[in-house]
């Protein structure tokens, strides 16, 4: 019915889906963009066009989806985030972020390059992409999602943003993922191409 292929790659505990400038063995950005996309298009019946491909994730994966989705508009026509850790700087001492980007006091440049909220202040967005994100009002990432929403609004970047009651847990994500899948389904339907 939906004709959607859902791929769930393993991002490990703390990859943040980045190519770390400090730990050069951690190249999860390349893993998604080069390995996963190429493998899926080679082994499954897909429409190999950006208008038929979206990326989303929750928590760390939400940051990864926003970071990769915005950075590679030639690959992804839409991107989303659920309860995403969209601002890495305040959490530099948590979630092993320090292993990827160093200490915020000495590596500010890395946080400007790799943390979505910092990048979004000056990034040249592809306005043809569809963007959706949401966060629970009791989530510890809530204020950072609000900040991204405000920034995108100020920069006049079209997006869909939803706040619902909820915390950083599966009770919230089980509801949020259904909304995101519907958003992407409608996006694909409006951009339907046939091989």
Protein backbone atom coordinates (compact mmCIF):
# COMPACT_ATOMS: atom_id res chain seq x y z
CA UNK A 1 0.00 0.00 0.00
CA UNK A 2 2.59 2.58 1.04
CA UNK A 3 5.34 1.24 -1.25
CA UNK A 4 8.04 2.46 1.13
CA UNK A 5 11.26 0.68 2.04
CA UNK A 6 12.37 1.44 5.61
CA UNK A 7 16.08 0.96 6.35
CA UNK A 8 17.38 1.12 9.93
CA UNK A 9 21.19 1.19 9.99
CA UNK A 10 23.04 0.75 13.29
CA UNK A 11 24.64 4.02 14.40
CA UNK A 12 26.37 2.46 17.39
CA UNK A 13 25.95 4.05 20.83
CA UNK A 14 27.64 7.36 20.14
CA UNK A 15 28.56 7.87 16.48
CA UNK A 16 26.27 10.89 16.09
CA UNK A 17 26.47 9.95 12.39
CA UNK A 18 29.54 12.12 11.86
CA UNK A 19 32.95 11.68 10.33
CA UNK A 20 34.89 12.54 13.46
CA UNK A 21 37.84 14.91 12.94
CA UNK A 22 39.41 13.47 16.10
CA UNK A 23 38.71 9.73 15.90
CA UNK A 24 39.44 9.10 12.23
CA UNK A 25 38.12 5.53 12.51
CA UNK A 26 34.61 6.89 13.18
CA UNK A 27 33.16 7.65 9.75
CA UNK A 28 29.44 7.12 10.16
CA UNK A 29 28.58 9.98 7.81
CA UNK A 30 30.39 8.14 5.02
CA UNK A 31 28.76 4.89 6.13
CA UNK A 32 25.26 6.30 5.59
CA UNK A 33 25.90 8.44 2.53
CA UNK A 34 28.15 6.06 0.63
CA UNK A 35 27.69 2.52 1.93
CA UNK A 36 24.06 2.31 3.01
CA UNK A 37 22.50 4.33 0.18
CA UNK A 38 24.58 2.53 -2.45
CA UNK A 39 23.86 -0.93 -1.02
CA UNK A 40 20.10 -0.37 -0.82
CA UNK A 41 19.87 1.01 -4.35
CA UNK A 42 21.92 -1.91 -5.66
CA UNK A 43 20.09 -4.72 -3.87
CA UNK A 44 16.47 -3.53 -3.74
CA UNK A 45 13.97 -2.18 -6.21
CA UNK A 46 14.23 1.54 -5.42
CA UNK A 47 13.70 4.80 -7.24
CA UNK A 48 17.25 6.13 -7.26
CA UNK A 49 16.34 9.80 -7.02
CA UNK A 50 16.41 12.30 -4.17
CA UNK A 51 12.64 12.85 -4.49
CA UNK A 52 12.15 9.20 -3.54
CA UNK A 53 14.53 9.16 -0.56
CA UNK A 54 14.20 10.59 2.96
CA UNK A 55 16.23 10.30 6.15
CA UNK A 56 15.01 10.58 9.72
CA UNK A 57 15.92 9.36 13.17
CA UNK A 58 15.32 9.76 16.85
CA UNK A 59 17.56 11.22 19.54
CA UNK A 60 21.16 10.89 18.26
CA UNK A 61 19.71 9.66 14.97
CA UNK A 62 17.62 12.82 14.76
CA UNK A 63 20.76 14.88 14.79
CA UNK A 64 22.35 12.57 12.24
CA UNK A 65 19.35 12.81 9.93
CA UNK A 66 19.27 16.61 10.09
CA UNK A 67 23.03 16.90 9.68
CA UNK A 68 23.26 14.43 6.77
CA UNK A 69 19.94 15.34 5.19
CA UNK A 70 20.79 19.04 5.00
CA UNK A 71 24.38 18.41 3.91
CA UNK A 72 23.46 16.05 1.06
CA UNK A 73 20.41 17.54 -0.69
CA UNK A 74 21.42 15.70 -3.85
CA UNK A 75 20.68 12.40 -2.04
CA UNK A 76 17.71 13.20 0.20
CA UNK A 77 14.61 15.09 -0.83
CA UNK A 78 13.30 15.18 2.73
CA UNK A 79 14.63 14.80 6.24
CA UNK A 80 13.28 14.64 9.76
CA UNK A 81 14.03 14.26 13.43
CA UNK A 82 12.19 12.95 16.47
CA UNK A 83 13.45 14.27 19.83
CA UNK A 84 16.72 15.02 18.11
CA UNK A 85 19.90 16.09 19.89
CA UNK A 86 20.18 19.02 17.48
CA UNK A 87 22.63 21.04 19.60
CA UNK A 88 25.78 19.14 20.56
CA UNK A 89 27.62 21.96 22.31
CA UNK A 90 25.79 21.85 25.69
CA UNK A 91 26.26 18.06 25.77
CA UNK A 92 29.97 17.94 24.93
CA UNK A 93 30.64 16.05 28.18
CA UNK A 94 27.78 13.60 27.62
CA UNK A 95 27.00 10.79 25.20
CA UNK A 96 30.70 10.40 24.26
CA UNK A 97 30.52 13.53 22.09
CA UNK A 98 33.88 14.60 23.46
CA UNK A 99 35.46 11.54 21.81
CA UNK A 100 34.21 12.77 18.44
CA UNK A 101 34.65 16.55 18.67
CA UNK A 102 36.94 17.22 21.63
CA UNK A 103 36.33 19.63 24.47
CA UNK A 104 34.15 22.59 23.63
CA UNK A 105 36.67 24.95 25.24
CA UNK A 106 39.41 23.99 22.79
CA UNK A 107 37.53 22.74 19.73
CA UNK A 108 34.81 25.35 19.15
CA UNK A 109 35.38 25.15 15.41
CA UNK A 110 34.36 21.49 15.37
CA UNK A 111 31.07 22.23 17.12
CA UNK A 112 30.34 24.99 14.59
CA UNK A 113 30.95 22.52 11.76
CA UNK A 114 29.24 19.41 13.11
CA UNK A 115 26.43 20.47 15.47
CA UNK A 116 23.25 21.08 13.51
CA UNK A 117 22.05 24.12 15.48
CA UNK A 118 25.38 25.90 15.06
CA UNK A 119 25.60 25.01 11.35
CA UNK A 120 22.02 26.12 10.72
CA UNK A 121 22.79 29.74 11.61
CA UNK A 122 24.81 30.26 8.42
CA UNK A 123 24.17 27.15 6.33
CA UNK A 124 22.86 27.54 2.78
CA UNK A 125 19.77 25.33 2.86
CA UNK A 126 18.33 23.69 -0.23
CA UNK A 127 14.80 25.05 -0.16
CA UNK A 128 13.49 22.22 -2.34
CA UNK A 129 13.85 19.78 0.57
CA UNK A 130 10.96 18.94 2.89
CA UNK A 131 11.77 19.15 6.62
CA UNK A 132 9.84 17.75 9.58
CA UNK A 133 10.75 17.46 13.24
CA UNK A 134 9.09 17.15 16.60
CA UNK A 135 9.90 16.90 20.27
CA UNK A 136 8.09 16.07 23.48
CA UNK A 137 7.48 19.04 25.75
CA UNK A 138 9.12 17.23 28.70
CA UNK A 139 12.15 16.04 26.70
CA UNK A 140 15.61 17.21 27.81
CA UNK A 141 16.30 18.16 24.18
CA UNK A 142 13.12 20.26 23.96
CA UNK A 143 14.64 23.73 24.28
CA UNK A 144 17.20 22.90 21.59
CA UNK A 145 14.49 21.76 19.17
CA UNK A 146 12.64 24.98 19.94
CA UNK A 147 15.82 26.91 19.13
CA UNK A 148 16.13 25.16 15.77
CA UNK A 149 12.48 25.91 15.01
CA UNK A 150 13.00 29.59 15.84
CA UNK A 151 16.16 29.75 13.76
CA UNK A 152 14.59 28.11 10.72
CA UNK A 153 11.58 30.42 11.07
CA UNK A 154 13.81 33.51 11.25
CA UNK A 155 15.70 32.34 8.18
CA UNK A 156 12.41 31.62 6.38
CA UNK A 157 13.28 27.95 5.84
CA UNK A 158 10.02 26.05 5.33
CA UNK A 159 9.53 23.22 7.82
CA UNK A 160 6.94 21.30 9.81
CA UNK A 161 7.50 21.35 13.57
CA UNK A 162 5.31 19.69 16.18
CA UNK A 163 5.37 19.75 19.98
CA UNK A 164 3.40 17.14 21.88
CA UNK A 165 3.32 16.02 25.51
CA UNK A 166 6.02 13.45 26.08
CA UNK A 167 9.48 12.55 27.26
CA UNK A 168 12.58 11.05 25.67
CA UNK A 169 11.22 7.52 25.42
CA UNK A 170 9.46 4.98 23.25
CA UNK A 171 6.01 5.98 24.50
CA UNK A 172 6.59 9.24 22.65
CA UNK A 173 8.50 7.87 19.64
CA UNK A 174 5.91 5.19 18.86
CA UNK A 175 3.43 8.01 18.20
CA UNK A 176 5.92 10.36 16.53
CA UNK A 177 7.16 7.83 13.97
CA UNK A 178 3.64 7.33 12.58
CA UNK A 179 3.35 11.07 11.87
CA UNK A 180 6.75 11.17 10.22
CA UNK A 181 5.99 8.19 8.00
CA UNK A 182 2.76 9.85 6.86
CA UNK A 183 4.68 13.07 6.11
CA UNK A 184 7.24 11.20 4.00
CA UNK A 185 4.56 9.12 2.27
CA UNK A 186 2.76 12.29 1.23
CA UNK A 187 6.06 13.82 0.09
CA UNK A 188 6.88 10.77 -2.04
CA UNK A 189 3.36 10.68 -3.46
CA UNK A 190 3.55 14.32 -4.51
CA UNK A 191 6.90 13.66 -6.20
CA UNK A 192 6.13 10.24 -7.63
CA UNK A 193 8.47 9.04 -10.35
CA UNK A 194 8.43 5.65 -12.01
CA UNK A 195 11.50 3.71 -13.08
